[in-house]
N, C-alpha and C. Protein backbone atom coordinates (compact mmCIF):
# COMPACT_ATOMS: atom_id res chain seq x y z
N UNK A 1 55.76 144.29 85.09
CA UNK A 1 56.10 145.61 84.62
C UNK A 1 55.06 146.17 83.66
N UNK A 2 53.94 145.48 83.47
CA UNK A 2 52.85 146.00 82.65
C UNK A 2 51.65 146.19 83.56
N UNK A 3 51.23 147.44 83.69
CA UNK A 3 50.04 147.74 84.48
C UNK A 3 48.82 147.97 83.61
N UNK A 4 49.05 148.34 82.36
CA UNK A 4 47.94 148.62 81.45
C UNK A 4 48.33 148.19 80.04
N UNK A 5 47.36 147.62 79.34
CA UNK A 5 47.55 147.26 77.94
C UNK A 5 46.51 148.01 77.13
N UNK A 6 46.95 148.72 76.12
CA UNK A 6 46.06 149.45 75.24
C UNK A 6 46.12 148.76 73.88
N UNK A 7 45.00 148.12 73.49
CA UNK A 7 44.94 147.41 72.22
C UNK A 7 44.01 148.16 71.28
N UNK A 8 44.54 148.60 70.16
CA UNK A 8 43.74 149.26 69.13
C UNK A 8 43.52 148.27 68.00
N UNK A 9 42.26 147.97 67.72
CA UNK A 9 41.91 147.11 66.60
C UNK A 9 41.49 148.00 65.44
N UNK A 10 41.92 147.69 64.25
CA UNK A 10 41.52 148.49 63.11
C UNK A 10 41.23 147.61 61.91
N UNK A 11 40.35 148.09 61.06
CA UNK A 11 39.95 147.35 59.87
C UNK A 11 39.59 148.34 58.77
N UNK A 12 40.14 148.15 57.60
CA UNK A 12 39.84 148.97 56.44
C UNK A 12 39.46 148.05 55.30
N UNK A 13 38.36 148.33 54.65
CA UNK A 13 37.91 147.46 53.57
C UNK A 13 38.36 148.01 52.22
N UNK A 14 39.54 148.56 52.17
CA UNK A 14 40.10 149.07 50.92
C UNK A 14 41.54 148.58 50.81
N UNK A 15 42.09 148.59 49.61
CA UNK A 15 43.49 148.18 49.49
C UNK A 15 44.45 149.16 50.17
N UNK A 16 43.98 150.39 50.39
CA UNK A 16 44.82 151.40 51.04
C UNK A 16 44.75 151.22 52.55
N UNK A 17 45.87 151.02 53.19
CA UNK A 17 45.91 150.88 54.64
C UNK A 17 46.76 152.00 55.22
N UNK A 18 46.25 152.58 56.29
CA UNK A 18 47.03 153.60 56.98
C UNK A 18 48.21 152.94 57.68
N UNK A 19 49.25 153.71 57.91
CA UNK A 19 50.42 153.17 58.57
C UNK A 19 50.15 153.02 60.07
N UNK A 20 50.29 151.83 60.56
CA UNK A 20 50.16 151.54 61.98
C UNK A 20 51.46 150.94 62.47
N UNK A 21 51.62 150.92 63.77
CA UNK A 21 52.80 150.31 64.35
C UNK A 21 52.68 148.80 64.24
N UNK A 22 53.68 148.17 63.69
CA UNK A 22 53.64 146.73 63.49
C UNK A 22 53.97 146.00 64.78
N UNK A 23 54.95 146.50 65.52
CA UNK A 23 55.36 145.83 66.74
C UNK A 23 54.75 146.53 67.95
N UNK A 24 54.55 145.78 69.04
CA UNK A 24 54.06 146.40 70.27
C UNK A 24 55.08 147.41 70.80
N UNK A 25 54.59 148.44 71.45
CA UNK A 25 55.46 149.44 72.04
C UNK A 25 55.23 149.47 73.55
N UNK A 26 56.31 149.52 74.31
CA UNK A 26 56.22 149.54 75.75
C UNK A 26 56.82 150.84 76.28
N UNK A 27 56.09 151.49 77.18
CA UNK A 27 56.58 152.72 77.80
C UNK A 27 56.67 152.49 79.30
N UNK A 28 57.90 152.52 79.79
CA UNK A 28 58.10 152.29 81.22
C UNK A 28 57.66 153.51 82.03
N UNK A 29 58.07 154.69 81.58
CA UNK A 29 57.66 155.92 82.25
C UNK A 29 57.95 157.07 81.29
N UNK A 30 56.88 157.57 80.66
CA UNK A 30 57.04 158.62 79.66
C UNK A 30 55.87 159.59 79.81
N UNK A 31 56.18 160.87 79.73
CA UNK A 31 55.14 161.90 79.79
C UNK A 31 55.03 162.55 78.42
N UNK A 32 53.79 162.66 77.96
CA UNK A 32 53.51 163.24 76.65
C UNK A 32 52.59 164.43 76.84
N UNK A 33 52.95 165.53 76.21
CA UNK A 33 52.14 166.74 76.29
C UNK A 33 51.50 166.98 74.93
N UNK A 34 50.18 167.11 74.92
CA UNK A 34 49.45 167.33 73.68
C UNK A 34 48.88 168.74 73.69
N UNK A 35 49.24 169.50 72.68
CA UNK A 35 48.72 170.86 72.55
C UNK A 35 47.55 170.86 71.57
N UNK A 36 46.40 171.34 71.99
CA UNK A 36 45.26 171.42 71.06
C UNK A 36 45.48 172.52 70.03
N UNK A 37 44.68 172.50 69.00
CA UNK A 37 44.83 173.49 67.93
C UNK A 37 44.61 174.91 68.43
N UNK A 38 43.68 175.09 69.37
CA UNK A 38 43.40 176.45 69.83
C UNK A 38 44.43 176.96 70.83
N UNK A 39 45.30 176.08 71.33
CA UNK A 39 46.40 176.40 72.24
C UNK A 39 45.94 177.09 73.52
N UNK A 40 44.66 176.95 73.89
CA UNK A 40 44.17 177.54 75.13
C UNK A 40 44.50 176.69 76.34
N UNK A 41 44.53 175.40 76.16
CA UNK A 41 44.89 174.51 77.26
C UNK A 41 45.64 173.33 76.67
N UNK A 42 46.32 172.63 77.53
CA UNK A 42 47.05 171.46 77.04
C UNK A 42 46.68 170.26 77.91
N UNK A 43 47.04 169.11 77.42
CA UNK A 43 46.79 167.88 78.15
C UNK A 43 48.11 167.14 78.29
N UNK A 44 48.39 166.71 79.49
CA UNK A 44 49.60 165.95 79.75
C UNK A 44 49.20 164.55 80.17
N UNK A 45 49.79 163.56 79.52
CA UNK A 45 49.50 162.16 79.81
C UNK A 45 50.78 161.48 80.25
N UNK A 46 50.67 160.69 81.29
CA UNK A 46 51.80 159.91 81.74
C UNK A 46 51.56 158.46 81.35
N UNK A 47 52.51 157.90 80.61
CA UNK A 47 52.44 156.51 80.22
C UNK A 47 53.41 155.75 81.12
N UNK A 48 52.85 154.97 82.02
CA UNK A 48 53.65 154.27 83.01
C UNK A 48 53.34 152.79 82.93
N UNK A 49 54.35 151.99 82.61
CA UNK A 49 54.19 150.55 82.46
C UNK A 49 53.02 150.24 81.53
N UNK A 50 53.06 150.85 80.37
CA UNK A 50 51.98 150.77 79.39
C UNK A 50 52.46 150.06 78.13
N UNK A 51 51.70 149.05 77.72
CA UNK A 51 51.98 148.32 76.49
C UNK A 51 50.95 148.74 75.45
N UNK A 52 51.42 149.27 74.32
CA UNK A 52 50.54 149.71 73.24
C UNK A 52 50.65 148.74 72.07
N UNK A 53 49.49 148.31 71.57
CA UNK A 53 49.46 147.33 70.50
C UNK A 53 48.43 147.74 69.46
N UNK A 54 48.81 147.72 68.18
CA UNK A 54 47.89 147.94 67.06
C UNK A 54 47.73 146.61 66.34
N UNK A 55 46.48 146.16 66.21
CA UNK A 55 46.24 144.85 65.60
C UNK A 55 45.26 145.00 64.44
N UNK A 56 45.66 144.60 63.24
CA UNK A 56 44.74 144.67 62.11
C UNK A 56 43.74 143.51 62.15
N UNK A 57 42.48 143.82 61.94
CA UNK A 57 41.45 142.80 61.82
C UNK A 57 41.35 142.38 60.35
N UNK A 58 40.86 141.18 60.09
CA UNK A 58 40.69 140.76 58.70
C UNK A 58 39.72 141.70 57.97
N UNK A 59 39.90 141.84 56.67
CA UNK A 59 39.04 142.73 55.88
C UNK A 59 37.56 142.36 55.99
N UNK A 60 37.26 141.06 56.10
CA UNK A 60 35.86 140.64 56.16
C UNK A 60 35.18 141.06 57.46
N UNK A 61 35.94 141.56 58.43
CA UNK A 61 35.35 142.04 59.69
C UNK A 61 34.36 143.18 59.43
N UNK A 62 34.67 144.01 58.44
CA UNK A 62 33.84 145.19 58.16
C UNK A 62 32.42 144.82 57.74
N UNK A 63 32.21 143.64 57.20
CA UNK A 63 30.88 143.27 56.71
C UNK A 63 30.28 142.05 57.43
N UNK A 64 30.94 141.55 58.45
CA UNK A 64 30.43 140.34 59.11
C UNK A 64 29.36 140.70 60.14
N UNK A 65 28.62 139.69 60.56
CA UNK A 65 27.58 139.87 61.56
C UNK A 65 28.20 139.95 62.95
N UNK A 66 27.40 140.37 63.94
CA UNK A 66 27.90 140.45 65.31
C UNK A 66 28.30 139.07 65.83
N UNK A 67 27.55 138.04 65.44
CA UNK A 67 27.86 136.68 65.88
C UNK A 67 29.22 136.23 65.35
N UNK A 68 29.59 136.70 64.17
CA UNK A 68 30.89 136.36 63.59
C UNK A 68 31.99 137.29 64.08
N UNK A 69 31.63 138.52 64.45
CA UNK A 69 32.62 139.53 64.80
C UNK A 69 33.38 139.20 66.08
N UNK A 70 32.66 138.81 67.12
CA UNK A 70 33.32 138.56 68.41
C UNK A 70 34.32 137.42 68.32
N UNK A 71 33.96 136.25 67.74
CA UNK A 71 34.98 135.21 67.60
C UNK A 71 36.16 135.63 66.73
N UNK A 72 35.88 136.44 65.69
CA UNK A 72 36.95 136.91 64.81
C UNK A 72 37.93 137.80 65.59
N UNK A 73 37.40 138.65 66.46
CA UNK A 73 38.27 139.50 67.29
C UNK A 73 39.11 138.63 68.21
N UNK A 74 38.47 137.65 68.85
CA UNK A 74 39.20 136.76 69.75
C UNK A 74 40.30 135.99 69.05
N UNK A 75 39.99 135.43 67.90
CA UNK A 75 40.99 134.67 67.14
C UNK A 75 42.14 135.57 66.69
N UNK A 76 41.81 136.78 66.28
CA UNK A 76 42.84 137.72 65.83
C UNK A 76 43.76 138.11 66.97
N UNK A 77 43.19 138.38 68.15
CA UNK A 77 44.01 138.74 69.31
C UNK A 77 44.93 137.58 69.72
N UNK A 78 44.37 136.39 69.81
CA UNK A 78 45.18 135.23 70.21
C UNK A 78 46.29 134.98 69.21
N UNK A 79 45.97 135.04 67.93
CA UNK A 79 46.98 134.82 66.89
C UNK A 79 48.09 135.88 66.97
N UNK A 80 47.70 137.13 67.16
CA UNK A 80 48.68 138.22 67.22
C UNK A 80 49.64 138.00 68.39
N UNK A 81 49.09 137.77 69.58
CA UNK A 81 49.96 137.63 70.76
C UNK A 81 50.75 136.32 70.74
N UNK A 82 50.27 135.31 70.03
CA UNK A 82 51.01 134.07 69.90
C UNK A 82 52.21 134.25 68.97
N UNK A 83 52.03 135.00 67.90
CA UNK A 83 53.06 135.11 66.86
C UNK A 83 54.00 136.31 67.03
N UNK A 84 53.57 137.34 67.71
CA UNK A 84 54.35 138.58 67.77
C UNK A 84 55.20 138.62 69.04
N UNK A 85 56.49 138.83 68.89
CA UNK A 85 57.33 138.93 70.09
C UNK A 85 57.06 140.23 70.85
N UNK A 86 57.12 140.13 72.16
CA UNK A 86 56.94 141.31 73.00
C UNK A 86 58.22 142.13 73.02
N UNK A 87 58.12 143.41 73.42
CA UNK A 87 59.34 144.21 73.55
C UNK A 87 60.31 143.54 74.54
N UNK A 88 61.57 143.64 74.26
CA UNK A 88 62.62 142.98 75.04
C UNK A 88 62.53 143.33 76.52
N UNK A 89 62.18 144.54 76.82
CA UNK A 89 62.18 145.01 78.20
C UNK A 89 61.19 144.26 79.10
N UNK A 90 60.12 143.69 78.52
CA UNK A 90 59.12 143.02 79.35
C UNK A 90 59.00 141.52 79.08
N UNK A 91 59.82 140.98 78.24
CA UNK A 91 59.67 139.56 77.87
C UNK A 91 59.75 138.62 79.06
N UNK A 92 60.62 138.89 80.02
CA UNK A 92 60.77 137.99 81.17
C UNK A 92 59.71 138.24 82.24
N UNK A 93 59.22 139.45 82.35
CA UNK A 93 58.29 139.77 83.45
C UNK A 93 56.82 139.60 83.06
N UNK A 94 56.51 139.62 81.78
CA UNK A 94 55.12 139.51 81.32
C UNK A 94 54.84 138.06 80.94
N UNK A 95 53.85 137.46 81.61
CA UNK A 95 53.50 136.06 81.35
C UNK A 95 52.59 135.99 80.13
N UNK A 96 53.21 135.93 78.97
CA UNK A 96 52.49 135.95 77.70
C UNK A 96 51.57 134.74 77.56
N UNK A 97 52.02 133.56 77.96
CA UNK A 97 51.19 132.36 77.84
C UNK A 97 49.93 132.47 78.70
N UNK A 98 50.08 133.00 79.89
CA UNK A 98 48.91 133.19 80.77
C UNK A 98 47.95 134.21 80.19
N UNK A 99 48.51 135.28 79.62
CA UNK A 99 47.68 136.31 78.99
C UNK A 99 46.88 135.72 77.83
N UNK A 100 47.53 134.91 77.01
CA UNK A 100 46.85 134.27 75.87
C UNK A 100 45.76 133.33 76.38
N UNK A 101 46.05 132.57 77.42
CA UNK A 101 45.04 131.68 78.01
C UNK A 101 43.85 132.48 78.55
N UNK A 102 44.12 133.62 79.17
CA UNK A 102 43.04 134.50 79.65
C UNK A 102 42.20 135.02 78.50
N UNK A 103 42.84 135.40 77.41
CA UNK A 103 42.10 135.86 76.22
C UNK A 103 41.19 134.76 75.69
N UNK A 104 41.74 133.56 75.57
CA UNK A 104 40.95 132.44 75.06
C UNK A 104 39.76 132.14 75.98
N UNK A 105 39.97 132.17 77.28
CA UNK A 105 38.89 131.93 78.23
C UNK A 105 37.84 133.02 78.15
N UNK A 106 38.27 134.28 78.06
CA UNK A 106 37.33 135.39 77.98
C UNK A 106 36.44 135.25 76.75
N UNK A 107 37.04 135.00 75.60
CA UNK A 107 36.25 134.93 74.38
C UNK A 107 35.40 133.66 74.30
N UNK A 108 35.86 132.57 74.88
CA UNK A 108 35.02 131.36 74.90
C UNK A 108 33.82 131.58 75.82
N UNK A 109 34.00 132.25 76.95
CA UNK A 109 32.87 132.58 77.84
C UNK A 109 31.95 133.60 77.21
N UNK A 110 32.51 134.59 76.53
CA UNK A 110 31.70 135.62 75.87
C UNK A 110 30.83 135.01 74.80
N UNK A 111 31.38 134.10 74.04
CA UNK A 111 30.63 133.47 72.95
C UNK A 111 29.50 132.58 73.46
N UNK A 112 29.60 132.09 74.68
CA UNK A 112 28.57 131.24 75.24
C UNK A 112 27.39 132.04 75.82
N UNK A 113 27.56 133.34 75.98
CA UNK A 113 26.50 134.19 76.53
C UNK A 113 25.70 134.80 75.40
N UNK A 114 24.43 134.96 75.62
CA UNK A 114 23.55 135.67 74.68
C UNK A 114 23.30 137.05 75.26
N UNK A 115 23.63 138.07 74.51
CA UNK A 115 23.42 139.45 74.98
C UNK A 115 22.12 140.00 74.49
């Protein structure tokens, strides 16, 4: 029941943090209409089987090197999906363990490549 996952990573190096969604949000079928400020045209988006996730990165991410950044992102993603329960509607149909294993494999392969 999940066709797309949208993961937003954010990091702020100040004690002030903007309010983000703590839990993942799942939209089975929802249409959202966004009106621009000039009201000349609008944009309509359909969210169908979409899982939205906001994940905070550690504060030290803002000042780390690229070599440190990629593993930090991978560790943060794996930790988040390991510890955070999924929305009730998709818990039985979404193979969370397989997704976590895929994340671990992706980041271990990424770290072995030199770009």
